[in-house]
Amino acid sequence: MMDKVTKASFYDLEAKTTSGKKIAFSDFRGQVVLIVNTATRCGLAPQFEGLEELHLKYKDRGLVILGFPCDQFAGQEPESNERMEEVCKINHGVTFQLTEKCEVNGEAAHPVFKFLKKKLKGFLGSRIKWNFTKFVIDQNGEPCKRFAPVTKPKDIEKLIQRLLS
């Protein structure tokens, strides 16, 4: 069986919602996708608000934001999937799609992060440095830019506008 990471297309990948429902990335053909590894107890958690602003402003123009909660960095996502989703909604107003918790580094890393890290190297090579690393995928399913955890969502807006125009 072929490893999902070696597949040629972003659209071959999938994830699961916090309740375990499948999210087929093929449903995002023709849209710009922003993938972020998140954590509710991270010092960068205020970025949830900026991500939500981008979501509300551009979702009707074709932007999809997927938050992938991760507990690999200092245990900053200790919540269950259900509780984490609740915390994101109550504390940060999040309405964009969150997935079930996953790993982003190592052998057990989610296939989408293996794919993205292979396509877009970062400061530490392919390894993800911290929570809130962001990846932008264009309308053709091509990863086009990786952003550091400290990059604020508003600083990604110009790229999103350009891709959506």
N, C-alpha and C. Protein backbone atom coordinates (compact mmCIF):
# COMPACT_ATOMS: atom_id res chain seq x y z
N MET A 1 0.84 -1.20 0.00
CA MET A 1 0.00 0.00 0.00
C MET A 1 0.88 1.25 0.00
N MET A 2 0.51 2.22 -0.82
CA MET A 2 1.31 3.42 -0.97
C MET A 2 1.15 4.33 0.24
N ASP A 3 2.26 4.84 0.77
CA ASP A 3 2.24 5.79 1.87
C ASP A 3 1.57 7.08 1.37
N LYS A 4 0.66 7.62 2.16
CA LYS A 4 -0.06 8.83 1.76
C LYS A 4 0.87 10.00 1.46
N VAL A 5 2.02 10.04 2.13
CA VAL A 5 2.94 11.15 1.93
C VAL A 5 3.55 11.13 0.54
N THR A 6 3.71 9.95 -0.03
CA THR A 6 4.33 9.87 -1.35
C THR A 6 3.32 10.15 -2.47
N LYS A 7 2.06 10.30 -2.11
CA LYS A 7 1.06 10.62 -3.13
C LYS A 7 1.40 11.99 -3.72
N ALA A 8 1.03 12.16 -4.95
CA ALA A 8 1.43 13.36 -5.68
C ALA A 8 0.61 14.60 -5.31
N SER A 9 -0.55 14.42 -4.73
CA SER A 9 -1.45 15.56 -4.59
C SER A 9 -1.94 15.80 -3.16
N PHE A 10 -2.02 17.07 -2.82
CA PHE A 10 -2.65 17.50 -1.57
C PHE A 10 -4.07 16.95 -1.48
N TYR A 11 -4.72 16.89 -2.64
CA TYR A 11 -6.13 16.46 -2.69
C TYR A 11 -6.34 14.97 -2.40
N ASP A 12 -5.26 14.21 -2.33
CA ASP A 12 -5.36 12.79 -1.97
C ASP A 12 -5.44 12.60 -0.45
N LEU A 13 -5.14 13.65 0.29
CA LEU A 13 -5.07 13.56 1.75
C LEU A 13 -6.43 13.81 2.39
N GLU A 14 -6.50 13.48 3.67
CA GLU A 14 -7.73 13.73 4.43
C GLU A 14 -7.38 13.88 5.90
N ALA A 15 -8.35 14.35 6.66
CA ALA A 15 -8.21 14.48 8.11
C ALA A 15 -9.56 14.11 8.72
N LYS A 16 -9.65 14.22 10.02
CA LYS A 16 -10.92 13.96 10.71
C LYS A 16 -11.27 15.14 11.58
N THR A 17 -12.56 15.43 11.68
CA THR A 17 -13.04 16.48 12.57
C THR A 17 -12.83 16.03 14.01
N THR A 18 -13.09 16.91 14.94
CA THR A 18 -12.96 16.56 16.35
C THR A 18 -13.93 15.46 16.76
N SER A 19 -14.98 15.28 15.98
CA SER A 19 -15.94 14.20 16.28
C SER A 19 -15.68 12.94 15.45
N GLY A 20 -14.59 12.96 14.65
CA GLY A 20 -14.20 11.77 13.90
C GLY A 20 -14.74 11.67 12.48
N LYS A 21 -15.44 12.71 12.01
CA LYS A 21 -15.96 12.71 10.64
C LYS A 21 -14.83 13.02 9.65
N LYS A 22 -14.80 12.31 8.53
CA LYS A 22 -13.75 12.48 7.53
C LYS A 22 -13.87 13.83 6.81
N ILE A 23 -12.73 14.47 6.62
CA ILE A 23 -12.62 15.69 5.82
C ILE A 23 -11.76 15.33 4.62
N ALA A 24 -12.35 15.26 3.45
CA ALA A 24 -11.59 14.94 2.23
C ALA A 24 -11.03 16.24 1.66
N PHE A 25 -9.71 16.31 1.53
CA PHE A 25 -9.10 17.53 0.99
C PHE A 25 -9.47 17.75 -0.47
N SER A 26 -9.93 16.70 -1.14
CA SER A 26 -10.39 16.86 -2.52
C SER A 26 -11.59 17.81 -2.58
N ASP A 27 -12.30 17.99 -1.47
CA ASP A 27 -13.42 18.94 -1.42
C ASP A 27 -12.94 20.38 -1.52
N PHE A 28 -11.64 20.62 -1.38
CA PHE A 28 -11.11 21.98 -1.38
C PHE A 28 -10.51 22.39 -2.73
N ARG A 29 -10.75 21.59 -3.77
CA ARG A 29 -10.25 21.96 -5.11
C ARG A 29 -10.76 23.35 -5.46
N GLY A 30 -9.86 24.18 -6.00
CA GLY A 30 -10.24 25.53 -6.41
C GLY A 30 -10.28 26.53 -5.26
N GLN A 31 -9.94 26.11 -4.05
CA GLN A 31 -9.94 27.02 -2.91
C GLN A 31 -8.53 27.19 -2.37
N VAL A 32 -8.32 28.28 -1.65
CA VAL A 32 -7.06 28.51 -0.96
C VAL A 32 -7.22 27.92 0.44
N VAL A 33 -6.25 27.14 0.88
CA VAL A 33 -6.33 26.48 2.18
C VAL A 33 -5.18 26.96 3.06
N LEU A 34 -5.53 27.33 4.29
CA LEU A 34 -4.54 27.71 5.30
C LEU A 34 -4.57 26.65 6.39
N ILE A 35 -3.45 25.96 6.57
CA ILE A 35 -3.35 24.90 7.57
C ILE A 35 -2.44 25.40 8.69
N VAL A 36 -2.93 25.24 9.93
CA VAL A 36 -2.22 25.74 11.11
C VAL A 36 -2.23 24.67 12.20
N ASN A 37 -1.06 24.40 12.79
CA ASN A 37 -1.08 23.54 13.98
C ASN A 37 -1.32 24.44 15.19
N THR A 38 -2.32 24.10 15.99
CA THR A 38 -2.80 24.98 17.05
C THR A 38 -2.65 24.35 18.43
N ALA A 39 -2.80 25.18 19.46
CA ALA A 39 -2.81 24.71 20.84
C ALA A 39 -3.49 25.78 21.70
N THR A 40 -4.48 25.37 22.47
CA THR A 40 -5.27 26.33 23.24
C THR A 40 -4.50 26.96 24.40
N ARG A 41 -3.46 26.31 24.90
CA ARG A 41 -2.72 26.85 26.04
C ARG A 41 -1.37 27.43 25.65
N CYS A 42 -1.19 27.67 24.37
CA CYS A 42 0.05 28.25 23.86
C CYS A 42 0.00 29.77 24.04
N GLY A 43 1.17 30.38 24.27
CA GLY A 43 1.23 31.83 24.34
C GLY A 43 0.82 32.51 23.05
N LEU A 44 0.82 31.76 21.95
CA LEU A 44 0.41 32.30 20.65
C LEU A 44 -1.09 32.09 20.39
N ALA A 45 -1.82 31.54 21.35
CA ALA A 45 -3.25 31.27 21.18
C ALA A 45 -4.08 32.49 20.79
N PRO A 46 -3.67 33.72 21.14
CA PRO A 46 -4.43 34.88 20.64
C PRO A 46 -4.51 34.93 19.11
N GLN A 47 -3.64 34.18 18.42
CA GLN A 47 -3.73 34.12 16.95
C GLN A 47 -5.03 33.46 16.49
N PHE A 48 -5.70 32.71 17.36
CA PHE A 48 -7.00 32.16 16.98
C PHE A 48 -7.93 33.28 16.50
N GLU A 49 -7.91 34.42 17.20
CA GLU A 49 -8.78 35.54 16.81
C GLU A 49 -8.43 36.05 15.41
N GLY A 50 -7.14 36.18 15.11
CA GLY A 50 -6.72 36.64 13.79
C GLY A 50 -7.08 35.64 12.71
N LEU A 51 -6.94 34.36 13.02
CA LEU A 51 -7.33 33.32 12.06
C LEU A 51 -8.83 33.38 11.81
N GLU A 52 -9.60 33.58 12.87
CA GLU A 52 -11.05 33.68 12.72
C GLU A 52 -11.44 34.90 11.89
N GLU A 53 -10.73 36.02 12.08
CA GLU A 53 -10.99 37.21 11.25
C GLU A 53 -10.78 36.91 9.77
N LEU A 54 -9.66 36.23 9.45
CA LEU A 54 -9.41 35.85 8.06
C LEU A 54 -10.51 34.93 7.55
N HIS A 55 -10.90 33.99 8.37
CA HIS A 55 -11.96 33.04 8.00
C HIS A 55 -13.25 33.79 7.65
N LEU A 56 -13.68 34.67 8.53
CA LEU A 56 -14.94 35.39 8.31
C LEU A 56 -14.85 36.31 7.09
N LYS A 57 -13.70 36.92 6.90
CA LYS A 57 -13.53 37.88 5.80
C LYS A 57 -13.45 37.22 4.43
N TYR A 58 -12.85 36.02 4.36
CA TYR A 58 -12.56 35.42 3.05
C TYR A 58 -13.22 34.07 2.77
N LYS A 59 -13.96 33.51 3.72
CA LYS A 59 -14.55 32.18 3.50
C LYS A 59 -15.48 32.16 2.29
N ASP A 60 -16.20 33.24 2.06
CA ASP A 60 -17.13 33.28 0.92
C ASP A 60 -16.42 33.52 -0.41
N ARG A 61 -15.13 33.87 -0.34
CA ARG A 61 -14.33 34.05 -1.56
C ARG A 61 -13.46 32.84 -1.85
N GLY A 62 -13.51 31.82 -0.98
CA GLY A 62 -12.77 30.60 -1.28
C GLY A 62 -11.63 30.26 -0.34
N LEU A 63 -11.57 30.87 0.85
CA LEU A 63 -10.53 30.52 1.81
C LEU A 63 -11.06 29.46 2.78
N VAL A 64 -10.28 28.43 3.00
CA VAL A 64 -10.59 27.39 3.98
C VAL A 64 -9.46 27.40 5.00
N ILE A 65 -9.81 27.48 6.28
CA ILE A 65 -8.81 27.39 7.34
C ILE A 65 -9.05 26.10 8.09
N LEU A 66 -7.98 25.34 8.26
CA LEU A 66 -8.03 24.09 9.03
C LEU A 66 -7.04 24.19 10.19
N GLY A 67 -7.55 24.09 11.40
CA GLY A 67 -6.72 24.09 12.59
C GLY A 67 -6.48 22.66 13.04
N PHE A 68 -5.22 22.28 13.16
CA PHE A 68 -4.83 20.94 13.60
C PHE A 68 -4.23 21.04 15.00
N PRO A 69 -5.02 20.78 16.04
CA PRO A 69 -4.51 20.84 17.40
C PRO A 69 -3.39 19.83 17.62
N CYS A 70 -2.36 20.27 18.34
CA CYS A 70 -1.19 19.43 18.55
C CYS A 70 -0.69 19.62 19.98
N ASP A 71 -0.35 18.51 20.62
CA ASP A 71 0.14 18.54 22.00
C ASP A 71 1.62 18.19 22.07
N GLN A 72 2.35 18.34 20.97
CA GLN A 72 3.76 17.96 20.93
C GLN A 72 4.70 19.03 21.49
N PHE A 73 4.20 20.22 21.73
CA PHE A 73 5.07 21.31 22.17
C PHE A 73 4.69 21.74 23.59
N ALA A 74 5.46 21.28 24.54
CA ALA A 74 5.29 21.64 25.96
C ALA A 74 3.90 21.31 26.50
N GLY A 75 3.24 20.31 25.93
CA GLY A 75 1.94 19.89 26.44
C GLY A 75 0.89 20.98 26.42
N GLN A 76 0.92 21.84 25.39
CA GLN A 76 0.04 23.01 25.37
C GLN A 76 -1.34 22.73 24.78
N GLU A 77 -1.63 21.48 24.43
CA GLU A 77 -2.98 21.11 24.02
C GLU A 77 -3.38 19.83 24.76
N PRO A 78 -3.61 19.96 26.08
CA PRO A 78 -3.92 18.78 26.88
C PRO A 78 -5.40 18.37 26.81
N GLU A 79 -6.23 19.20 26.22
CA GLU A 79 -7.67 18.95 26.21
C GLU A 79 -8.04 17.80 25.29
N SER A 80 -9.19 17.19 25.57
CA SER A 80 -9.76 16.20 24.65
C SER A 80 -10.21 16.94 23.40
N ASN A 81 -10.49 16.21 22.32
CA ASN A 81 -10.96 16.85 21.09
C ASN A 81 -12.19 17.71 21.34
N GLU A 82 -13.16 17.17 22.04
CA GLU A 82 -14.42 17.88 22.28
C GLU A 82 -14.19 19.13 23.14
N ARG A 83 -13.43 18.98 24.22
CA ARG A 83 -13.17 20.10 25.12
C ARG A 83 -12.35 21.17 24.41
N MET A 84 -11.37 20.76 23.61
CA MET A 84 -10.53 21.72 22.89
C MET A 84 -11.38 22.55 21.93
N GLU A 85 -12.29 21.90 21.23
CA GLU A 85 -13.17 22.63 20.30
C GLU A 85 -14.02 23.64 21.07
N GLU A 86 -14.53 23.22 22.22
CA GLU A 86 -15.35 24.10 23.06
C GLU A 86 -14.53 25.31 23.54
N VAL A 87 -13.31 25.08 23.99
CA VAL A 87 -12.43 26.15 24.45
C VAL A 87 -12.15 27.14 23.31
N CYS A 88 -11.92 26.62 22.12
CA CYS A 88 -11.65 27.49 20.96
C CYS A 88 -12.86 28.36 20.64
N LYS A 89 -14.05 27.80 20.73
CA LYS A 89 -15.27 28.57 20.45
C LYS A 89 -15.54 29.60 21.53
N ILE A 90 -15.48 29.18 22.79
CA ILE A 90 -15.82 30.07 23.90
C ILE A 90 -14.76 31.15 24.10
N ASN A 91 -13.50 30.76 24.15
CA ASN A 91 -12.42 31.70 24.47
C ASN A 91 -11.94 32.52 23.28
N HIS A 92 -12.09 31.98 22.07
CA HIS A 92 -11.51 32.65 20.90
C HIS A 92 -12.50 32.89 19.76
N GLY A 93 -13.74 32.46 19.91
CA GLY A 93 -14.74 32.68 18.87
C GLY A 93 -14.53 31.88 17.60
N VAL A 94 -13.80 30.80 17.68
CA VAL A 94 -13.45 30.02 16.49
C VAL A 94 -14.67 29.34 15.87
N THR A 95 -14.87 29.59 14.58
CA THR A 95 -15.89 28.87 13.81
C THR A 95 -15.27 28.12 12.62
N PHE A 96 -13.97 28.37 12.33
CA PHE A 96 -13.33 27.62 11.25
C PHE A 96 -13.13 26.18 11.70
N GLN A 97 -12.87 25.30 10.74
CA GLN A 97 -12.81 23.86 11.00
C GLN A 97 -11.58 23.47 11.81
N LEU A 98 -11.81 22.75 12.91
CA LEU A 98 -10.74 22.15 13.69
C LEU A 98 -10.76 20.65 13.45
N THR A 99 -9.59 20.05 13.49
CA THR A 99 -9.49 18.60 13.30
C THR A 99 -9.26 17.94 14.66
N GLU A 100 -9.23 16.61 14.65
CA GLU A 100 -8.85 15.92 15.87
C GLU A 100 -7.38 16.19 16.14
N LYS A 101 -6.98 16.04 17.39
CA LYS A 101 -5.58 16.26 17.76
C LYS A 101 -4.68 15.33 16.96
N CYS A 102 -3.49 15.83 16.65
CA CYS A 102 -2.54 15.04 15.87
C CYS A 102 -1.13 15.44 16.23
N GLU A 103 -0.19 14.69 15.69
CA GLU A 103 1.22 15.05 15.81
C GLU A 103 1.66 15.68 14.49
N VAL A 104 2.64 16.58 14.58
CA VAL A 104 3.13 17.25 13.38
C VAL A 104 4.58 16.91 13.06
N ASN A 105 5.28 16.34 14.03
CA ASN A 105 6.67 15.91 13.85
C ASN A 105 6.79 14.43 14.21
N GLY A 106 7.82 13.79 13.70
CA GLY A 106 8.09 12.41 14.05
C GLY A 106 7.37 11.41 13.18
N GLU A 107 7.57 10.13 13.51
CA GLU A 107 7.00 9.03 12.74
C GLU A 107 5.47 9.07 12.69
N ALA A 108 4.85 9.50 13.79
CA ALA A 108 3.39 9.51 13.87
C ALA A 108 2.77 10.82 13.37
N ALA A 109 3.57 11.67 12.72
CA ALA A 109 3.04 12.95 12.21
C ALA A 109 1.90 12.68 11.23
N HIS A 110 0.90 13.56 11.29
CA HIS A 110 -0.24 13.45 10.37
C HIS A 110 0.28 13.54 8.93
N PRO A 111 -0.29 12.75 8.03
CA PRO A 111 0.17 12.77 6.62
C PRO A 111 0.21 14.16 5.98
N VAL A 112 -0.71 15.04 6.33
CA VAL A 112 -0.69 16.37 5.72
C VAL A 112 0.57 17.13 6.14
N PHE A 113 1.03 16.95 7.38
CA PHE A 113 2.24 17.65 7.81
C PHE A 113 3.48 17.01 7.21
N LYS A 114 3.48 15.71 7.01
CA LYS A 114 4.59 15.06 6.31
C LYS A 114 4.67 15.62 4.89
N PHE A 115 3.53 15.74 4.22
CA PHE A 115 3.45 16.26 2.86
C PHE A 115 3.93 17.71 2.81
N LEU A 116 3.38 18.56 3.70
CA LEU A 116 3.71 19.98 3.68
C LEU A 116 5.17 20.24 4.03
N LYS A 117 5.70 19.51 5.00
CA LYS A 117 7.10 19.71 5.39
C LYS A 117 8.05 19.26 4.29
N LYS A 118 7.64 18.27 3.53
CA LYS A 118 8.45 17.81 2.40
C LYS A 118 8.48 18.89 1.30
N LYS A 119 7.35 19.55 1.10
CA LYS A 119 7.24 20.56 0.04
C LYS A 119 7.82 21.92 0.44
N LEU A 120 7.66 22.29 1.71
CA LEU A 120 8.08 23.62 2.17
C LEU A 120 8.92 23.48 3.44
N LYS A 121 10.20 23.61 3.29
CA LYS A 121 11.11 23.53 4.44
C LYS A 121 11.01 24.83 5.25
N GLY A 122 11.33 24.73 6.52
CA GLY A 122 11.30 25.90 7.39
C GLY A 122 12.67 26.19 7.97
N PHE A 123 12.70 27.02 8.99
CA PHE A 123 13.94 27.44 9.65
C PHE A 123 14.72 26.24 10.18
N LEU A 124 14.01 25.23 10.69
CA LEU A 124 14.68 24.04 11.23
C LEU A 124 14.64 22.88 10.23
N GLY A 125 14.76 23.19 8.97
CA GLY A 125 14.64 22.15 7.94
C GLY A 125 13.17 21.82 7.79
N SER A 126 12.84 20.53 7.76
CA SER A 126 11.44 20.18 7.57
C SER A 126 10.67 20.15 8.88
N ARG A 127 11.37 20.08 9.99
CA ARG A 127 10.73 19.99 11.30
C ARG A 127 9.90 21.24 11.62
N ILE A 128 8.74 21.02 12.26
CA ILE A 128 7.93 22.15 12.71
C ILE A 128 8.46 22.57 14.08
N LYS A 129 8.71 23.87 14.20
CA LYS A 129 9.38 24.43 15.36
C LYS A 129 8.45 24.58 16.57
N TRP A 130 7.20 24.98 16.35
CA TRP A 130 6.31 25.30 17.47
C TRP A 130 4.87 25.36 16.97
N ASN A 131 3.96 25.54 17.90
CA ASN A 131 2.55 25.73 17.56
C ASN A 131 2.37 26.96 16.68
N PHE A 132 1.32 26.94 15.89
CA PHE A 132 0.92 28.05 15.00
C PHE A 132 1.86 28.25 13.82
N THR A 133 2.54 27.19 13.38
CA THR A 133 3.21 27.21 12.09
C THR A 133 2.09 27.14 11.05
N LYS A 134 2.21 27.95 10.00
CA LYS A 134 1.13 28.08 9.03
C LYS A 134 1.61 27.72 7.63
N PHE A 135 0.74 27.03 6.89
CA PHE A 135 1.02 26.65 5.51
C PHE A 135 -0.13 27.12 4.62
N VAL A 136 0.20 27.77 3.51
CA VAL A 136 -0.82 28.20 2.55
C VAL A 136 -0.72 27.31 1.32
N ILE A 137 -1.87 26.78 0.93
CA ILE A 137 -1.97 25.93 -0.26
C ILE A 137 -2.83 26.68 -1.27
N ASP A 138 -2.35 26.79 -2.51
CA ASP A 138 -3.10 27.56 -3.51
C ASP A 138 -4.29 26.76 -4.07
N GLN A 139 -5.03 27.38 -4.99
CA GLN A 139 -6.25 26.78 -5.55
C GLN A 139 -5.99 25.51 -6.35
N ASN A 140 -4.74 25.26 -6.69
CA ASN A 140 -4.39 24.06 -7.44
C ASN A 140 -3.84 22.95 -6.53
N GLY A 141 -3.91 23.18 -5.22
CA GLY A 141 -3.43 22.18 -4.28
C GLY A 141 -1.92 22.20 -4.08
N GLU A 142 -1.27 23.27 -4.52
CA GLU A 142 0.18 23.38 -4.37
C GLU A 142 0.53 24.19 -3.13
N PRO A 143 1.31 23.62 -2.21
CA PRO A 143 1.78 24.40 -1.07
C PRO A 143 2.65 25.54 -1.59
N CYS A 144 2.31 26.77 -1.23
CA CYS A 144 3.06 27.89 -1.81
C CYS A 144 3.86 28.70 -0.79
N LYS A 145 3.50 28.64 0.49
CA LYS A 145 4.25 29.44 1.47
C LYS A 145 4.07 28.86 2.86
N ARG A 146 5.16 28.89 3.62
CA ARG A 146 5.17 28.46 5.02
C ARG A 146 5.49 29.67 5.87
N PHE A 147 4.77 29.82 6.98
CA PHE A 147 4.98 30.95 7.86
C PHE A 147 5.35 30.47 9.26
N ALA A 148 6.24 31.20 9.91
CA ALA A 148 6.70 30.88 11.26
C ALA A 148 5.57 31.05 12.27
N PRO A 149 5.70 30.39 13.42
CA PRO A 149 4.68 30.51 14.46
C PRO A 149 4.39 31.96 14.87
N VAL A 150 5.41 32.81 14.92
CA VAL A 150 5.20 34.19 15.36
C VAL A 150 4.55 35.08 14.30
N THR A 151 4.47 34.62 13.05
CA THR A 151 3.82 35.40 12.00
C THR A 151 2.33 35.51 12.32
N LYS A 152 1.86 36.74 12.43
CA LYS A 152 0.45 36.97 12.76
C LYS A 152 -0.42 36.69 11.54
N PRO A 153 -1.62 36.19 11.76
CA PRO A 153 -2.52 35.93 10.62
C PRO A 153 -2.71 37.13 9.70
N LYS A 154 -2.78 38.34 10.26
CA LYS A 154 -2.97 39.53 9.41
C LYS A 154 -1.80 39.71 8.43
N ASP A 155 -0.63 39.19 8.79
CA ASP A 155 0.54 39.31 7.91
C ASP A 155 0.52 38.32 6.74
N ILE A 156 -0.45 37.43 6.75
CA ILE A 156 -0.64 36.46 5.66
C ILE A 156 -1.73 36.96 4.71
N GLU A 157 -2.45 37.97 5.12
CA GLU A 157 -3.63 38.43 4.38
C GLU A 157 -3.32 38.86 2.95
N LYS A 158 -2.23 39.56 2.73
CA LYS A 158 -1.90 40.00 1.36
C LYS A 158 -1.73 38.81 0.41
N LEU A 159 -1.07 37.77 0.88
CA LEU A 159 -0.90 36.56 0.06
C LEU A 159 -2.27 35.93 -0.22
N ILE A 160 -3.09 35.84 0.80
CA ILE A 160 -4.43 35.26 0.62
C ILE A 160 -5.24 36.09 -0.40
N GLN A 161 -5.19 37.40 -0.26
CA GLN A 161 -5.91 38.27 -1.22
C GLN A 161 -5.42 38.03 -2.64
N ARG A 162 -4.09 37.96 -2.80
CA ARG A 162 -3.52 37.75 -4.13
C ARG A 162 -3.97 36.41 -4.72
N LEU A 163 -3.94 35.36 -3.90
CA LEU A 163 -4.33 34.04 -4.39
C LEU A 163 -5.82 33.97 -4.73
N LEU A 164 -6.63 34.70 -3.98
CA LEU A 164 -8.07 34.66 -4.21
C LEU A 164 -8.52 35.56 -5.36
N SER A 165 -7.65 36.48 -5.81
CA SER A 165 -8.08 37.40 -6.88
C SER A 165 -7.95 36.80 -8.26
